All heavy atoms as atom14 arrays in JSON, in Angstrom:
{
  "sequence": "HWPLQALPEDIAKYKGRYSIGWDSLRSQRIVQQKTLGISDPKQ",
  "atom14_mask": [
    [1, 1, 1, 1, 1, 1, 1, 1, 1, 1, 0, 0, 0, 0],
    [1, 1, 1, 1, 1, 1, 1, 1, 1, 1, 1, 1, 1, 1],
    [1, 1, 1, 1, 1, 1, 1, 0, 0, 0, 0, 0, 0, 0],
    [1, 1, 1, 1, 1, 1, 1, 1, 0, 0, 0, 0, 0, 0],
    [1, 1, 1, 1, 1, 1, 1, 1, 1, 0, 0, 0, 0, 0],
    [1, 1, 1, 1, 1, 0, 0, 0, 0, 0, 0, 0, 0, 0],
    [1, 1, 1, 1, 1, 1, 1, 1, 0, 0, 0, 0, 0, 0],
    [1, 1, 1, 1, 1, 1, 1, 0, 0, 0, 0, 0, 0, 0],
    [1, 1, 1, 1, 1, 1, 1, 1, 1, 0, 0, 0, 0, 0],
    [1, 1, 1, 1, 1, 1, 1, 1, 0, 0, 0, 0, 0, 0],
    [1, 1, 1, 1, 1, 1, 1, 1, 0, 0, 0, 0, 0, 0],
    [1, 1, 1, 1, 1, 0, 0, 0, 0, 0, 0, 0, 0, 0],
    [1, 1, 1, 1, 1, 1, 1, 1, 1, 0, 0, 0, 0, 0],
    [1, 1, 1, 1, 1, 1, 1, 1, 1, 1, 1, 1, 0, 0],
    [1, 1, 1, 1, 1, 1, 1, 1, 1, 0, 0, 0, 0, 0],
    [1, 1, 1, 1, 0, 0, 0, 0, 0, 0, 0, 0, 0, 0],
    [1, 1, 1, 1, 1, 1, 1, 1, 1, 1, 1, 0, 0, 0],
    [1, 1, 1, 1, 1, 1, 1, 1, 1, 1, 1, 1, 0, 0],
    [1, 1, 1, 1, 1, 1, 0, 0, 0, 0, 0, 0, 0, 0],
    [1, 1, 1, 1, 1, 1, 1, 1, 0, 0, 0, 0, 0, 0],
    [1, 1, 1, 1, 0, 0, 0, 0, 0, 0, 0, 0, 0, 0],
    [1, 1, 1, 1, 1, 1, 1, 1, 1, 1, 1, 1, 1, 1],
    [1, 1, 1, 1, 1, 1, 1, 1, 0, 0, 0, 0, 0, 0],
    [1, 1, 1, 1, 1, 1, 0, 0, 0, 0, 0, 0, 0, 0],
    [1, 1, 1, 1, 1, 1, 1, 1, 0, 0, 0, 0, 0, 0],
    [1, 1, 1, 1, 1, 1, 1, 1, 1, 1, 1, 0, 0, 0],
    [1, 1, 1, 1, 1, 1, 0, 0, 0, 0, 0, 0, 0, 0],
    [1, 1, 1, 1, 1, 1, 1, 1, 1, 0, 0, 0, 0, 0],
    [1, 1, 1, 1, 1, 1, 1, 1, 1, 1, 1, 0, 0, 0],
    [1, 1, 1, 1, 1, 1, 1, 1, 0, 0, 0, 0, 0, 0],
    [1, 1, 1, 1, 1, 1, 1, 0, 0, 0, 0, 0, 0, 0],
    [1, 1, 1, 1, 1, 1, 1, 1, 1, 0, 0, 0, 0, 0],
    [1, 1, 1, 1, 1, 1, 1, 1, 1, 0, 0, 0, 0, 0],
    [1, 1, 1, 1, 1, 1, 1, 1, 1, 0, 0, 0, 0, 0],
    [1, 1, 1, 1, 1, 1, 1, 0, 0, 0, 0, 0, 0, 0],
    [1, 1, 1, 1, 1, 1, 1, 1, 0, 0, 0, 0, 0, 0],
    [1, 1, 1, 1, 0, 0, 0, 0, 0, 0, 0, 0, 0, 0],
    [1, 1, 1, 1, 1, 1, 1, 1, 0, 0, 0, 0, 0, 0],
    [1, 1, 1, 1, 1, 1, 0, 0, 0, 0, 0, 0, 0, 0],
    [1, 1, 1, 1, 1, 1, 1, 1, 0, 0, 0, 0, 0, 0],
    [1, 1, 1, 1, 1, 1, 1, 0, 0, 0, 0, 0, 0, 0],
    [1, 1, 1, 1, 1, 1, 1, 1, 1, 0, 0, 0, 0, 0],
    [1, 1, 1, 1, 1, 1, 1, 1, 1, 0, 0, 0, 0, 0]
  ],
  "atom14_positions": [
    [[91.73, 6.15, 40.13], [92.31, 4.85, 40.48], [92.48, 4.73, 42.0], [92.75, 5.71, 42.68], [93.69, 4.77, 39.79], [94.36, 3.44, 39.83], [94.85, 2.88, 40.99], [94.66, 2.56, 38.84], [95.44, 1.73, 40.71], [95.31, 1.51, 39.4], [0.0, 0.0, 0.0], [0.0, 0.0, 0.0], [0.0, 0.0, 0.0], [0.0, 0.0, 0.0]],
    [[92.3, 3.51, 42.5], [92.53, 3.29, 43.94], [93.96, 3.66, 44.33], [94.83, 3.66, 43.48], [92.22, 1.83, 44.32], [92.72, 0.76, 43.39], [91.99, 0.1, 42.43], [94.03, 0.2, 43.33], [92.79, -0.82, 41.78], [94.05, -0.79, 42.31], [95.21, 0.41, 44.03], [95.18, -1.53, 41.98], [96.34, -0.33, 43.71], [96.32, -1.28, 42.68]],
    [[94.17, 4.01, 45.6], [93.23, 3.99, 46.74], [92.28, 5.19, 46.72], [92.62, 6.26, 46.23], [94.17, 4.07, 47.95], [95.37, 4.83, 47.46], [95.55, 4.4, 46.02], [0.0, 0.0, 0.0], [0.0, 0.0, 0.0], [0.0, 0.0, 0.0], [0.0, 0.0, 0.0], [0.0, 0.0, 0.0], [0.0, 0.0, 0.0], [0.0, 0.0, 0.0]],
    [[91.07, 4.96, 47.25], [90.1, 6.04, 47.35], [90.56, 7.03, 48.41], [90.47, 6.77, 49.61], [88.73, 5.48, 47.73], [88.02, 4.6, 46.7], [86.69, 4.11, 47.26], [87.8, 5.33, 45.38], [0.0, 0.0, 0.0], [0.0, 0.0, 0.0], [0.0, 0.0, 0.0], [0.0, 0.0, 0.0], [0.0, 0.0, 0.0], [0.0, 0.0, 0.0]],
    [[91.07, 8.17, 47.97], [91.53, 9.23, 48.88], [91.17, 10.57, 48.26], [91.5, 10.83, 47.1], [93.05, 9.14, 49.09], [93.5, 7.85, 49.77], [95.02, 7.71, 49.85], [95.76, 8.48, 49.25], [95.48, 6.71, 50.57], [0.0, 0.0, 0.0], [0.0, 0.0, 0.0], [0.0, 0.0, 0.0], [0.0, 0.0, 0.0], [0.0, 0.0, 0.0]],
    [[90.49, 11.41, 49.04], [90.03, 12.69, 48.49], [90.05, 13.76, 49.57], [90.12, 13.47, 50.77], [88.62, 12.53, 47.92], [0.0, 0.0, 0.0], [0.0, 0.0, 0.0], [0.0, 0.0, 0.0], [0.0, 0.0, 0.0], [0.0, 0.0, 0.0], [0.0, 0.0, 0.0], [0.0, 0.0, 0.0], [0.0, 0.0, 0.0], [0.0, 0.0, 0.0]],
    [[89.96, 15.0, 49.12], [89.94, 16.13, 50.04], [88.56, 16.24, 50.7], [87.53, 16.06, 50.05], [90.26, 17.41, 49.28], [91.7, 17.48, 48.74], [91.83, 18.58, 47.7], [92.68, 17.7, 49.88], [0.0, 0.0, 0.0], [0.0, 0.0, 0.0], [0.0, 0.0, 0.0], [0.0, 0.0, 0.0], [0.0, 0.0, 0.0], [0.0, 0.0, 0.0]],
    [[88.54, 16.56, 52.0], [87.26, 16.59, 52.74], [86.22, 17.49, 52.11], [85.03, 17.14, 52.07], [87.68, 17.09, 54.13], [89.13, 16.76, 54.26], [89.69, 16.85, 52.87], [0.0, 0.0, 0.0], [0.0, 0.0, 0.0], [0.0, 0.0, 0.0], [0.0, 0.0, 0.0], [0.0, 0.0, 0.0], [0.0, 0.0, 0.0], [0.0, 0.0, 0.0]],
    [[86.63, 18.66, 51.6], [85.65, 19.59, 51.03], [85.01, 19.03, 49.76], [83.87, 19.36, 49.43], [86.3, 20.94, 50.74], [87.46, 20.92, 49.76], [88.82, 20.79, 50.44], [88.9, 20.14, 51.5], [89.8, 21.34, 49.89], [0.0, 0.0, 0.0], [0.0, 0.0, 0.0], [0.0, 0.0, 0.0], [0.0, 0.0, 0.0], [0.0, 0.0, 0.0]],
    [[85.73, 18.17, 49.04], [85.16, 17.54, 47.85], [84.21, 16.42, 48.23], [83.14, 16.26, 47.62], [86.27, 17.02, 46.94], [87.12, 18.14, 46.35], [86.61, 19.26, 46.21], [88.3, 17.89, 46.05], [0.0, 0.0, 0.0], [0.0, 0.0, 0.0], [0.0, 0.0, 0.0], [0.0, 0.0, 0.0], [0.0, 0.0, 0.0], [0.0, 0.0, 0.0]],
    [[84.58, 15.64, 49.23], [83.71, 14.55, 49.69], [82.39, 15.1, 50.19], [81.31, 14.54, 49.93], [84.41, 13.72, 50.79], [85.7, 13.09, 50.25], [83.47, 12.63, 51.31], [86.55, 12.41, 51.32], [0.0, 0.0, 0.0], [0.0, 0.0, 0.0], [0.0, 0.0, 0.0], [0.0, 0.0, 0.0], [0.0, 0.0, 0.0], [0.0, 0.0, 0.0]],
    [[82.46, 16.23, 50.91], [81.26, 16.83, 51.51], [80.21, 17.17, 50.45], [79.0, 17.12, 50.73], [81.64, 18.08, 52.3], [0.0, 0.0, 0.0], [0.0, 0.0, 0.0], [0.0, 0.0, 0.0], [0.0, 0.0, 0.0], [0.0, 0.0, 0.0], [0.0, 0.0, 0.0], [0.0, 0.0, 0.0], [0.0, 0.0, 0.0], [0.0, 0.0, 0.0]],
    [[80.63, 17.49, 49.24], [79.7, 17.86, 48.17], [78.77, 16.7, 47.79], [77.7, 16.91, 47.22], [80.47, 18.33, 46.94], [81.22, 19.62, 47.14], [82.25, 19.87, 46.05], [81.64, 20.15, 44.71], [82.67, 20.57, 43.72], [0.0, 0.0, 0.0], [0.0, 0.0, 0.0], [0.0, 0.0, 0.0], [0.0, 0.0, 0.0], [0.0, 0.0, 0.0]],
    [[79.19, 15.47, 48.07], [78.43, 14.29, 47.62], [77.82, 13.52, 48.78], [77.29, 12.43, 48.57], [79.35, 13.39, 46.77], [79.79, 14.11, 45.53], [80.99, 14.82, 45.5], [78.97, 14.16, 44.41], [81.38, 15.54, 44.37], [79.35, 14.87, 43.28], [80.56, 15.56, 43.27], [80.92, 16.28, 42.16], [0.0, 0.0, 0.0], [0.0, 0.0, 0.0]],
    [[77.85, 14.11, 49.98], [77.3, 13.42, 51.14], [75.83, 13.13, 50.94], [75.02, 14.03, 50.64], [77.49, 14.3, 52.39], [77.39, 13.54, 53.69], [78.56, 12.58, 53.85], [78.47, 11.83, 55.17], [79.51, 10.77, 55.25], [0.0, 0.0, 0.0], [0.0, 0.0, 0.0], [0.0, 0.0, 0.0], [0.0, 0.0, 0.0], [0.0, 0.0, 0.0]],
    [[75.46, 11.87, 51.01], [74.07, 11.44, 50.86], [73.61, 11.26, 49.42], [72.51, 10.75, 49.19], [0.0, 0.0, 0.0], [0.0, 0.0, 0.0], [0.0, 0.0, 0.0], [0.0, 0.0, 0.0], [0.0, 0.0, 0.0], [0.0, 0.0, 0.0], [0.0, 0.0, 0.0], [0.0, 0.0, 0.0], [0.0, 0.0, 0.0], [0.0, 0.0, 0.0]],
    [[74.44, 11.65, 48.45], [74.01, 11.59, 47.05], [73.79, 10.15, 46.59], [72.94, 9.89, 45.72], [75.05, 12.27, 46.14], [74.73, 12.18, 44.65], [73.44, 12.9, 44.33], [73.07, 12.84, 42.92], [72.39, 11.83, 42.35], [72.01, 10.78, 43.08], [72.07, 11.87, 41.08], [0.0, 0.0, 0.0], [0.0, 0.0, 0.0], [0.0, 0.0, 0.0]],
    [[74.5, 9.21, 47.18], [74.46, 7.84, 46.67], [73.64, 6.89, 47.53], [73.73, 5.67, 47.41], [75.89, 7.34, 46.45], [76.58, 8.17, 45.4], [77.52, 9.15, 45.75], [76.22, 8.05, 44.08], [78.1, 9.95, 44.79], [76.8, 8.84, 43.1], [77.73, 9.8, 43.46], [78.29, 10.6, 42.49], [0.0, 0.0, 0.0], [0.0, 0.0, 0.0]],
    [[72.79, 7.49, 48.37], [71.9, 6.66, 49.2], [70.85, 5.96, 48.35], [70.2, 5.01, 48.82], [71.23, 7.52, 50.27], [70.44, 8.54, 49.67], [0.0, 0.0, 0.0], [0.0, 0.0, 0.0], [0.0, 0.0, 0.0], [0.0, 0.0, 0.0], [0.0, 0.0, 0.0], [0.0, 0.0, 0.0], [0.0, 0.0, 0.0], [0.0, 0.0, 0.0]],
    [[70.67, 6.4, 47.11], [69.69, 5.74, 46.23], [70.19, 4.37, 45.77], [69.4, 3.55, 45.29], [69.35, 6.61, 45.01], [70.59, 6.85, 44.14], [68.72, 7.92, 45.42], [70.29, 7.54, 42.82], [0.0, 0.0, 0.0], [0.0, 0.0, 0.0], [0.0, 0.0, 0.0], [0.0, 0.0, 0.0], [0.0, 0.0, 0.0], [0.0, 0.0, 0.0]],
    [[71.49, 4.12, 45.88], [72.03, 2.82, 45.51], [72.38, 2.71, 44.03], [72.05, 3.58, 43.22], [0.0, 0.0, 0.0], [0.0, 0.0, 0.0], [0.0, 0.0, 0.0], [0.0, 0.0, 0.0], [0.0, 0.0, 0.0], [0.0, 0.0, 0.0], [0.0, 0.0, 0.0], [0.0, 0.0, 0.0], [0.0, 0.0, 0.0], [0.0, 0.0, 0.0]],
    [[73.07, 1.63, 43.71], [73.61, 1.48, 42.35], [72.56, 1.2, 41.29], [72.69, 1.62, 40.15], [74.7, 0.41, 42.31], [74.47, -0.79, 43.18], [73.55, -1.79, 43.01], [75.2, -1.12, 44.36], [73.66, -2.73, 44.0], [74.67, -2.35, 44.85], [76.24, -0.52, 45.06], [75.15, -2.96, 46.0], [76.73, -1.13, 46.21], [76.19, -2.33, 46.68]],
    [[71.46, 0.51, 41.65], [70.45, 0.21, 40.63], [69.75, 1.48, 40.15], [69.6, 1.71, 38.95], [69.43, -0.79, 41.19], [70.04, -2.16, 41.45], [70.58, -2.74, 40.49], [70.01, -2.62, 42.6], [0.0, 0.0, 0.0], [0.0, 0.0, 0.0], [0.0, 0.0, 0.0], [0.0, 0.0, 0.0], [0.0, 0.0, 0.0], [0.0, 0.0, 0.0]],
    [[69.33, 2.31, 41.1], [68.65, 3.55, 40.72], [69.6, 4.5, 40.01], [69.21, 5.18, 39.05], [68.07, 4.23, 41.96], [67.04, 3.44, 42.53], [0.0, 0.0, 0.0], [0.0, 0.0, 0.0], [0.0, 0.0, 0.0], [0.0, 0.0, 0.0], [0.0, 0.0, 0.0], [0.0, 0.0, 0.0], [0.0, 0.0, 0.0], [0.0, 0.0, 0.0]],
    [[70.85, 4.56, 40.48], [71.81, 5.46, 39.85], [72.08, 5.04, 38.41], [72.16, 5.89, 37.51], [73.11, 5.49, 40.64], [74.15, 6.5, 40.15], [73.63, 7.92, 40.27], [75.47, 6.35, 40.91], [0.0, 0.0, 0.0], [0.0, 0.0, 0.0], [0.0, 0.0, 0.0], [0.0, 0.0, 0.0], [0.0, 0.0, 0.0], [0.0, 0.0, 0.0]],
    [[72.22, 3.75, 38.18], [72.44, 3.28, 36.8], [71.26, 3.67, 35.91], [71.44, 4.12, 34.77], [72.64, 1.77, 36.78], [72.93, 1.21, 35.38], [73.31, -0.26, 35.45], [73.69, -0.78, 34.16], [72.91, -1.53, 33.38], [71.67, -1.84, 33.77], [73.34, -1.99, 32.22], [0.0, 0.0, 0.0], [0.0, 0.0, 0.0], [0.0, 0.0, 0.0]],
    [[70.04, 3.53, 36.42], [68.86, 3.9, 35.64], [68.88, 5.39, 35.31], [68.54, 5.79, 34.19], [67.58, 3.55, 36.42], [67.47, 2.16, 36.61], [0.0, 0.0, 0.0], [0.0, 0.0, 0.0], [0.0, 0.0, 0.0], [0.0, 0.0, 0.0], [0.0, 0.0, 0.0], [0.0, 0.0, 0.0], [0.0, 0.0, 0.0], [0.0, 0.0, 0.0]],
    [[69.27, 6.21, 36.28], [69.35, 7.66, 36.03], [70.38, 7.98, 34.96], [70.14, 8.83, 34.09], [69.71, 8.38, 37.33], [68.6, 8.42, 38.35], [68.99, 9.17, 39.62], [70.11, 9.66, 39.75], [68.07, 9.26, 40.57], [0.0, 0.0, 0.0], [0.0, 0.0, 0.0], [0.0, 0.0, 0.0], [0.0, 0.0, 0.0], [0.0, 0.0, 0.0]],
    [[71.5, 7.3, 35.01], [72.55, 7.58, 34.01], [72.12, 7.14, 32.62], [72.42, 7.8, 31.63], [73.86, 6.9, 34.42], [74.53, 7.54, 35.62], [75.96, 7.07, 35.79], [76.62, 7.71, 36.93], [77.9, 7.54, 37.25], [78.66, 6.74, 36.5], [78.41, 8.15, 38.29], [0.0, 0.0, 0.0], [0.0, 0.0, 0.0], [0.0, 0.0, 0.0]],
    [[71.42, 6.02, 32.53], [70.94, 5.56, 31.22], [69.99, 6.59, 30.61], [70.08, 6.93, 29.42], [70.24, 4.19, 31.36], [71.29, 3.09, 31.64], [69.44, 3.85, 30.1], [70.68, 1.76, 32.04], [0.0, 0.0, 0.0], [0.0, 0.0, 0.0], [0.0, 0.0, 0.0], [0.0, 0.0, 0.0], [0.0, 0.0, 0.0], [0.0, 0.0, 0.0]],
    [[69.08, 7.12, 31.42], [68.14, 8.15, 30.93], [68.92, 9.38, 30.47], [68.64, 9.95, 29.4], [67.14, 8.52, 32.04], [66.33, 9.76, 31.64], [66.2, 7.36, 32.34], [0.0, 0.0, 0.0], [0.0, 0.0, 0.0], [0.0, 0.0, 0.0], [0.0, 0.0, 0.0], [0.0, 0.0, 0.0], [0.0, 0.0, 0.0], [0.0, 0.0, 0.0]],
    [[69.91, 9.8, 31.26], [70.68, 10.98, 30.91], [71.49, 10.77, 29.63], [71.61, 11.68, 28.8], [71.61, 11.37, 32.06], [72.43, 12.62, 31.85], [71.62, 13.89, 31.73], [70.39, 13.87, 31.82], [72.29, 15.02, 31.52], [0.0, 0.0, 0.0], [0.0, 0.0, 0.0], [0.0, 0.0, 0.0], [0.0, 0.0, 0.0], [0.0, 0.0, 0.0]],
    [[72.06, 9.58, 29.45], [72.82, 9.29, 28.23], [71.93, 9.39, 27.0], [72.35, 9.89, 25.96], [73.46, 7.91, 28.34], [74.64, 7.87, 29.29], [75.19, 6.47, 29.47], [74.49, 5.47, 29.32], [76.47, 6.37, 29.79], [0.0, 0.0, 0.0], [0.0, 0.0, 0.0], [0.0, 0.0, 0.0], [0.0, 0.0, 0.0], [0.0, 0.0, 0.0]],
    [[70.71, 8.92, 27.12], [69.77, 9.01, 25.99], [69.41, 10.47, 25.72], [69.31, 10.9, 24.57], [68.53, 8.18, 26.28], [68.79, 6.67, 26.26], [67.54, 5.88, 26.59], [67.82, 4.38, 26.55], [66.63, 3.57, 26.92], [0.0, 0.0, 0.0], [0.0, 0.0, 0.0], [0.0, 0.0, 0.0], [0.0, 0.0, 0.0], [0.0, 0.0, 0.0]],
    [[69.22, 11.23, 26.79], [68.88, 12.65, 26.65], [70.02, 13.41, 25.96], [69.78, 14.26, 25.09], [68.59, 13.27, 28.03], [67.5, 12.58, 28.64], [68.26, 14.75, 27.9], [0.0, 0.0, 0.0], [0.0, 0.0, 0.0], [0.0, 0.0, 0.0], [0.0, 0.0, 0.0], [0.0, 0.0, 0.0], [0.0, 0.0, 0.0], [0.0, 0.0, 0.0]],
    [[71.25, 13.09, 26.35], [72.42, 13.77, 25.78], [72.71, 13.35, 24.35], [73.4, 14.06, 23.62], [73.64, 13.49, 26.65], [73.66, 14.1, 28.05], [74.81, 13.5, 28.86], [73.79, 15.61, 27.98], [0.0, 0.0, 0.0], [0.0, 0.0, 0.0], [0.0, 0.0, 0.0], [0.0, 0.0, 0.0], [0.0, 0.0, 0.0], [0.0, 0.0, 0.0]],
    [[72.24, 12.17, 23.96], [72.56, 11.64, 22.64], [73.81, 10.79, 22.62], [74.3, 10.41, 21.54], [0.0, 0.0, 0.0], [0.0, 0.0, 0.0], [0.0, 0.0, 0.0], [0.0, 0.0, 0.0], [0.0, 0.0, 0.0], [0.0, 0.0, 0.0], [0.0, 0.0, 0.0], [0.0, 0.0, 0.0], [0.0, 0.0, 0.0], [0.0, 0.0, 0.0]],
    [[74.34, 10.47, 23.8], [75.54, 9.62, 23.88], [75.18, 8.16, 23.66], [75.95, 7.39, 23.09], [76.23, 9.81, 25.25], [76.94, 11.16, 25.29], [77.2, 8.69, 25.55], [78.03, 11.32, 24.26], [0.0, 0.0, 0.0], [0.0, 0.0, 0.0], [0.0, 0.0, 0.0], [0.0, 0.0, 0.0], [0.0, 0.0, 0.0], [0.0, 0.0, 0.0]],
    [[74.02, 7.77, 24.13], [73.55, 6.39, 23.94], [72.71, 6.31, 22.68], [71.76, 7.08, 22.5], [72.73, 5.95, 25.16], [72.25, 4.64, 25.0], [0.0, 0.0, 0.0], [0.0, 0.0, 0.0], [0.0, 0.0, 0.0], [0.0, 0.0, 0.0], [0.0, 0.0, 0.0], [0.0, 0.0, 0.0], [0.0, 0.0, 0.0], [0.0, 0.0, 0.0]],
    [[73.08, 5.42, 21.78], [72.35, 5.23, 20.53], [71.08, 4.44, 20.84], [71.15, 3.3, 21.32], [73.22, 4.47, 19.53], [72.61, 4.42, 18.14], [71.37, 4.47, 18.03], [73.37, 4.31, 17.16], [0.0, 0.0, 0.0], [0.0, 0.0, 0.0], [0.0, 0.0, 0.0], [0.0, 0.0, 0.0], [0.0, 0.0, 0.0], [0.0, 0.0, 0.0]],
    [[69.91, 5.0, 20.58], [68.66, 4.3, 20.92], [68.48, 2.99, 20.17], [67.68, 2.14, 20.58], [67.57, 5.32, 20.53], [68.23, 6.25, 19.57], [69.66, 6.32, 19.98], [0.0, 0.0, 0.0], [0.0, 0.0, 0.0], [0.0, 0.0, 0.0], [0.0, 0.0, 0.0], [0.0, 0.0, 0.0], [0.0, 0.0, 0.0], [0.0, 0.0, 0.0]],
    [[69.22, 2.79, 19.07], [69.11, 1.53, 18.31], [69.86, 0.39, 19.01], [69.65, -0.78, 18.67], [69.68, 1.7, 16.9], [69.02, 2.75, 16.04], [69.47, 2.65, 14.6], [70.97, 2.72, 14.42], [71.53, 4.04, 14.77], [0.0, 0.0, 0.0], [0.0, 0.0, 0.0], [0.0, 0.0, 0.0], [0.0, 0.0, 0.0], [0.0, 0.0, 0.0]],
    [[70.73, 0.72, 19.95], [71.6, -0.29, 20.54], [71.06, -0.78, 21.89], [70.62, 0.02, 22.73], [73.0, 0.28, 20.74], [73.72, 0.6, 19.43], [75.05, 1.27, 19.66], [75.25, 1.99, 20.64], [75.99, 1.05, 18.75], [0.0, 0.0, 0.0], [0.0, 0.0, 0.0], [0.0, 0.0, 0.0], [0.0, 0.0, 0.0], [0.0, 0.0, 0.0]]
  ]
}
């Protein structure tokens, strides 16, 4: 929950990870959900 406040060592782990942007990241998560079986392929 906001406000966004975190420890520097934790932030450093994700530096540059989100440069792909929200559209690509959403696509990656959808693929992973299907792989894990969390997303029902019928839906």
